[in-house]
Amino acid sequence: MKLERNGETIQVVVIAKNLENMDRQVYRLYGTFLTDEKVKDVGTIFHLRKSLYLLM
């Protein structure tokens, strides 16, 4: 996924069971990048791939 804020972009990989858990993990790990000092959302999450299937 790609995170964007004020023209700054970073790419991250998060492994989760579903999109809701993935977004929760992103905010836990990168919340300070996505919010300002008043905890207002200022960043955007772009899901580059909606699902990933691992074969074991």
PDB file of N, CA and C in Angstrom:
ATOM      1  N   MET A   1       0.838  -1.164   0.000  1.00  0.00           N
ATOM      2  CA  MET A   1       0.000   0.000   0.000  1.00  0.00           C
ATOM      3  C   MET A   1       0.883   1.227   0.000  1.00  0.00           C
ATOM      4  N   LYS A   2       0.294   2.333  -0.341  1.00  0.00           N
ATOM      5  CA  LYS A   2       1.010   3.595  -0.409  1.00  0.00           C
ATOM      6  C   LYS A   2       0.343   4.567   0.544  1.00  0.00           C
ATOM      7  N   LEU A   3       1.146   5.284   1.335  1.00  0.00           N
ATOM      8  CA  LEU A   3       0.652   6.307   2.245  1.00  0.00           C
ATOM      9  C   LEU A   3       1.145   7.658   1.734  1.00  0.00           C
ATOM     10  N   GLU A   4       0.253   8.631   1.726  1.00  0.00           N
ATOM     11  CA  GLU A   4       0.607   9.939   1.198  1.00  0.00           C
ATOM     12  C   GLU A   4       0.162  11.033   2.153  1.00  0.00           C
ATOM     13  N   ARG A   5       1.046  12.026   2.341  1.00  0.00           N
ATOM     14  CA  ARG A   5       0.731  13.166   3.203  1.00  0.00           C
ATOM     15  C   ARG A   5       1.546  14.367   2.740  1.00  0.00           C
ATOM     16  N   ASN A   6       0.873  15.459   2.432  1.00  0.00           N
ATOM     17  CA  ASN A   6       1.520  16.718   2.044  1.00  0.00           C
ATOM     18  C   ASN A   6       2.602  16.516   0.987  1.00  0.00           C
ATOM     19  N   GLY A   7       2.305  15.708  -0.014  1.00  0.00           N
ATOM     20  CA  GLY A   7       3.249  15.471  -1.086  1.00  0.00           C
ATOM     21  C   GLY A   7       4.321  14.446  -0.775  1.00  0.00           C
ATOM     22  N   GLU A   8       4.394  13.977   0.448  1.00  0.00           N
ATOM     23  CA  GLU A   8       5.361  12.948   0.832  1.00  0.00           C
ATOM     24  C   GLU A   8       4.682  11.586   0.712  1.00  0.00           C
ATOM     25  N   THR A   9       5.354  10.636   0.088  1.00  0.00           N
ATOM     26  CA  THR A   9       4.786   9.315  -0.144  1.00  0.00           C
ATOM     27  C   THR A   9       5.723   8.248   0.398  1.00  0.00           C
ATOM     28  N   ILE A  10       5.142   7.261   1.075  1.00  0.00           N
ATOM     29  CA  ILE A  10       5.911   6.096   1.494  1.00  0.00           C
ATOM     30  C   ILE A  10       5.120   4.853   1.112  1.00  0.00           C
ATOM     31  N   GLN A  11       5.824   3.771   0.825  1.00  0.00           N
ATOM     32  CA  GLN A  11       5.183   2.509   0.525  1.00  0.00           C
ATOM     33  C   GLN A  11       5.461   1.540   1.659  1.00  0.00           C
ATOM     34  N   VAL A  12       4.438   0.807   2.064  1.00  0.00           N
ATOM     35  CA  VAL A  12       4.567  -0.147   3.154  1.00  0.00           C
ATOM     36  C   VAL A  12       3.888  -1.453   2.764  1.00  0.00           C
ATOM     37  N   VAL A  13       4.322  -2.516   3.401  1.00  0.00           N
ATOM     38  CA  VAL A  13       3.689  -3.822   3.237  1.00  0.00           C
ATOM     39  C   VAL A  13       3.159  -4.230   4.598  1.00  0.00           C
ATOM     40  N   VAL A  14       1.869  -4.541   4.658  1.00  0.00           N
ATOM     41  CA  VAL A  14       1.227  -4.968   5.898  1.00  0.00           C
ATOM     42  C   VAL A  14       0.514  -6.279   5.606  1.00  0.00           C
ATOM     43  N   ILE A  15       0.748  -7.273   6.425  1.00  0.00           N
ATOM     44  CA  ILE A  15       0.089  -8.563   6.267  1.00  0.00           C
ATOM     45  C   ILE A  15      -1.017  -8.654   7.311  1.00  0.00           C
ATOM     46  N   ALA A  16      -2.247  -8.869   6.847  1.00  0.00           N
ATOM     47  CA  ALA A  16      -3.393  -8.952   7.741  1.00  0.00           C
ATOM     48  C   ALA A  16      -4.432  -9.879   7.132  1.00  0.00           C
ATOM     49  N   LYS A  17      -5.393 -10.295   7.942  1.00  0.00           N
ATOM     50  CA  LYS A  17      -6.441 -11.218   7.490  1.00  0.00           C
ATOM     51  C   LYS A  17      -7.438 -10.563   6.543  1.00  0.00           C
ATOM     52  N   ASN A  18      -7.695  -9.258   6.729  1.00  0.00           N
ATOM     53  CA  ASN A  18      -8.645  -8.554   5.874  1.00  0.00           C
ATOM     54  C   ASN A  18      -8.291  -7.069   5.843  1.00  0.00           C
ATOM     55  N   LEU A  19      -9.010  -6.297   5.023  1.00  0.00           N
ATOM     56  CA  LEU A  19      -8.699  -4.874   4.859  1.00  0.00           C
ATOM     57  C   LEU A  19      -8.900  -4.081   6.144  1.00  0.00           C
ATOM     58  N   GLU A  20      -9.917  -4.442   6.928  1.00  0.00           N
ATOM     59  CA  GLU A  20     -10.168  -3.728   8.182  1.00  0.00           C
ATOM     60  C   GLU A  20      -8.978  -3.886   9.135  1.00  0.00           C
ATOM     61  N   ASN A  21      -8.492  -5.102   9.274  1.00  0.00           N
ATOM     62  CA  ASN A  21      -7.320  -5.339  10.126  1.00  0.00           C
ATOM     63  C   ASN A  21      -6.079  -4.665   9.560  1.00  0.00           C
ATOM     64  N   MET A  22      -5.980  -4.629   8.239  1.00  0.00           N
ATOM     65  CA  MET A  22      -4.828  -3.993   7.613  1.00  0.00           C
ATOM     66  C   MET A  22      -4.833  -2.494   7.903  1.00  0.00           C
ATOM     67  N   ASP A  23      -5.979  -1.844   7.749  1.00  0.00           N
ATOM     68  CA  ASP A  23      -6.067  -0.408   8.038  1.00  0.00           C
ATOM     69  C   ASP A  23      -5.768  -0.132   9.509  1.00  0.00           C
ATOM     70  N   ARG A  24      -6.250  -0.997  10.399  1.00  0.00           N
ATOM     71  CA  ARG A  24      -5.983  -0.846  11.831  1.00  0.00           C
ATOM     72  C   ARG A  24      -4.476  -0.922  12.111  1.00  0.00           C
ATOM     73  N   GLN A  25      -3.805  -1.876  11.476  1.00  0.00           N
ATOM     74  CA  GLN A  25      -2.358  -2.013  11.650  1.00  0.00           C
ATOM     75  C   GLN A  25      -1.609  -0.793  11.096  1.00  0.00           C
ATOM     76  N   VAL A  26      -2.063  -0.288   9.962  1.00  0.00           N
ATOM     77  CA  VAL A  26      -1.410   0.895   9.370  1.00  0.00           C
ATOM     78  C   VAL A  26      -1.520   2.083  10.313  1.00  0.00           C
ATOM     79  N   TYR A  27      -2.708   2.318  10.878  1.00  0.00           N
ATOM     80  CA  TYR A  27      -2.860   3.440  11.815  1.00  0.00           C
ATOM     81  C   TYR A  27      -2.047   3.218  13.090  1.00  0.00           C
ATOM     82  N   ARG A  28      -1.929   1.952  13.517  1.00  0.00           N
ATOM     83  CA  ARG A  28      -1.120   1.662  14.704  1.00  0.00           C
ATOM     84  C   ARG A  28       0.355   1.947  14.428  1.00  0.00           C
ATOM     85  N   LEU A  29       0.835   1.565  13.248  1.00  0.00           N
ATOM     86  CA  LEU A  29       2.255   1.710  12.919  1.00  0.00           C
ATOM     87  C   LEU A  29       2.614   3.085  12.360  1.00  0.00           C
ATOM     88  N   TYR A  30       1.705   3.684  11.593  1.00  0.00           N
ATOM     89  CA  TYR A  30       2.004   4.939  10.882  1.00  0.00           C
ATOM     90  C   TYR A  30       1.015   6.046  11.213  1.00  0.00           C
ATOM     91  N   GLY A  31       0.357   5.958  12.363  1.00  0.00           N
ATOM     92  CA  GLY A  31      -0.642   6.950  12.744  1.00  0.00           C
ATOM     93  C   GLY A  31      -0.105   8.366  12.792  1.00  0.00           C
ATOM     94  N   THR A  32       1.129   8.533  13.252  1.00  0.00           N
ATOM     95  CA  THR A  32       1.696   9.885  13.320  1.00  0.00           C
ATOM     96  C   THR A  32       1.958  10.449  11.925  1.00  0.00           C
ATOM     97  N   PHE A  33       2.170   9.583  10.951  1.00  0.00           N
ATOM     98  CA  PHE A  33       2.344  10.048   9.568  1.00  0.00           C
ATOM     99  C   PHE A  33       1.007  10.461   8.964  1.00  0.00           C
ATOM    100  N   LEU A  34      -0.078   9.786   9.347  1.00  0.00           N
ATOM    101  CA  LEU A  34      -1.386  10.012   8.742  1.00  0.00           C
ATOM    102  C   LEU A  34      -2.239  11.045   9.457  1.00  0.00           C
ATOM    103  N   THR A  35      -1.841  11.470  10.660  1.00  0.00           N
ATOM    104  CA  THR A  35      -2.630  12.443  11.416  1.00  0.00           C
ATOM    105  C   THR A  35      -1.759  13.629  11.836  1.00  0.00           C
ATOM    106  N   ASP A  36      -2.413  14.746  12.155  1.00  0.00           N
ATOM    107  CA  ASP A  36      -1.675  15.903  12.646  1.00  0.00           C
ATOM    108  C   ASP A  36      -1.686  15.909  14.178  1.00  0.00           C
ATOM    109  N   GLU A  37      -1.184  16.973  14.779  1.00  0.00           N
ATOM    110  CA  GLU A  37      -1.083  17.039  16.239  1.00  0.00           C
ATOM    111  C   GLU A  37      -2.443  17.055  16.933  1.00  0.00           C
ATOM    112  N   LYS A  38      -3.514  17.383  16.201  1.00  0.00           N
ATOM    113  CA  LYS A  38      -4.872  17.364  16.763  1.00  0.00           C
ATOM    114  C   LYS A  38      -5.594  16.062  16.436  1.00  0.00           C
ATOM    115  N   VAL A  39      -4.861  15.073  15.960  1.00  0.00           N
ATOM    116  CA  VAL A  39      -5.352  13.750  15.572  1.00  0.00           C
ATOM    117  C   VAL A  39      -6.399  13.834  14.457  1.00  0.00           C
ATOM    118  N   LYS A  40      -6.265  14.838  13.611  1.00  0.00           N
ATOM    119  CA  LYS A  40      -7.119  14.984  12.439  1.00  0.00           C
ATOM    120  C   LYS A  40      -6.446  14.250  11.274  1.00  0.00           C
ATOM    121  N   ASP A  41      -7.226  13.494  10.492  1.00  0.00           N
ATOM    122  CA  ASP A  41      -6.671  12.784   9.343  1.00  0.00           C
ATOM    123  C   ASP A  41      -6.155  13.788   8.314  1.00  0.00           C
ATOM    124  N   VAL A  42      -4.887  13.662   7.979  1.00  0.00           N
ATOM    125  CA  VAL A  42      -4.292  14.519   6.955  1.00  0.00           C
ATOM    126  C   VAL A  42      -3.616  13.697   5.863  1.00  0.00           C
ATOM    127  N   GLY A  43      -3.557  12.393   6.063  1.00  0.00           N
ATOM    128  CA  GLY A  43      -2.927  11.508   5.094  1.00  0.00           C
ATOM    129  C   GLY A  43      -3.956  10.645   4.385  1.00  0.00           C
ATOM    130  N   THR A  44      -3.493   9.942   3.361  1.00  0.00           N
ATOM    131  CA  THR A  44      -4.356   9.082   2.566  1.00  0.00           C
ATOM    132  C   THR A  44      -3.705   7.717   2.429  1.00  0.00           C
ATOM    133  N   ILE A  45      -4.525   6.679   2.513  1.00  0.00           N
ATOM    134  CA  ILE A  45      -4.070   5.307   2.303  1.00  0.00           C
ATOM    135  C   ILE A  45      -4.566   4.854   0.931  1.00  0.00           C
ATOM    136  N   PHE A  46      -3.639   4.405   0.106  1.00  0.00           N
ATOM    137  CA  PHE A  46      -4.004   3.848  -1.191  1.00  0.00           C
ATOM    138  C   PHE A  46      -3.724   2.357  -1.151  1.00  0.00           C
ATOM    139  N   HIS A  47      -4.771   1.540  -1.309  1.00  0.00           N
ATOM    140  CA  HIS A  47      -4.601   0.091  -1.345  1.00  0.00           C
ATOM    141  C   HIS A  47      -4.185  -0.282  -2.763  1.00  0.00           C
ATOM    142  N   LEU A  48      -2.953  -0.733  -2.906  1.00  0.00           N
ATOM    143  CA  LEU A  48      -2.461  -1.101  -4.225  1.00  0.00           C
ATOM    144  C   LEU A  48      -2.960  -2.481  -4.639  1.00  0.00           C
ATOM    145  N   ARG A  49      -3.150  -3.352  -3.656  1.00  0.00           N
ATOM    146  CA  ARG A  49      -3.681  -4.686  -3.921  1.00  0.00           C
ATOM    147  C   ARG A  49      -4.669  -5.009  -2.809  1.00  0.00           C
ATOM    148  N   LYS A  50      -5.879  -5.364  -3.181  1.00  0.00           N
ATOM    149  CA  LYS A  50      -6.929  -5.591  -2.194  1.00  0.00           C
ATOM    150  C   LYS A  50      -6.761  -6.909  -1.455  1.00  0.00           C
ATOM    151  N   SER A  51      -6.189  -7.904  -2.086  1.00  0.00           N
ATOM    152  CA  SER A  51      -6.063  -9.187  -1.410  1.00  0.00           C
ATOM    153  C   SER A  51      -4.801  -9.900  -1.872  1.00  0.00           C
ATOM    154  N   LEU A  52      -4.318 -10.732  -1.011  1.00  0.00           N
ATOM    155  CA  LEU A  52      -3.138 -11.527  -1.304  1.00  0.00           C
ATOM    156  C   LEU A  52      -3.398 -12.920  -0.768  1.00  0.00           C
ATOM    157  N   TYR A  53      -3.262 -13.901  -1.599  1.00  0.00           N
ATOM    158  CA  TYR A  53      -3.497 -15.273  -1.183  1.00  0.00           C
ATOM    159  C   TYR A  53      -2.161 -16.003  -1.095  1.00  0.00           C
ATOM    160  N   LEU A  54      -1.909 -16.587   0.053  1.00  0.00           N
ATOM    161  CA  LEU A  54      -0.688 -17.352   0.269  1.00  0.00           C
ATOM    162  C   LEU A  54      -1.032 -18.826   0.233  1.00  0.00           C
ATOM    163  N   LEU A  55      -0.301 -19.568  -0.554  1.00  0.00           N
ATOM    164  CA  LEU A  55      -0.494 -21.007  -0.612  1.00  0.00           C
ATOM    165  C   LEU A  55       0.529 -21.669   0.278  1.00  0.00           C
ATOM    166  N   MET A  56       0.062 -22.553   1.142  1.00  0.00           N
ATOM    167  CA  MET A  56       0.974 -23.239   2.052  1.00  0.00           C
ATOM    168  C   MET A  56       0.860 -24.729   1.852  1.00  0.00           C
TER     169      MET A  56
END
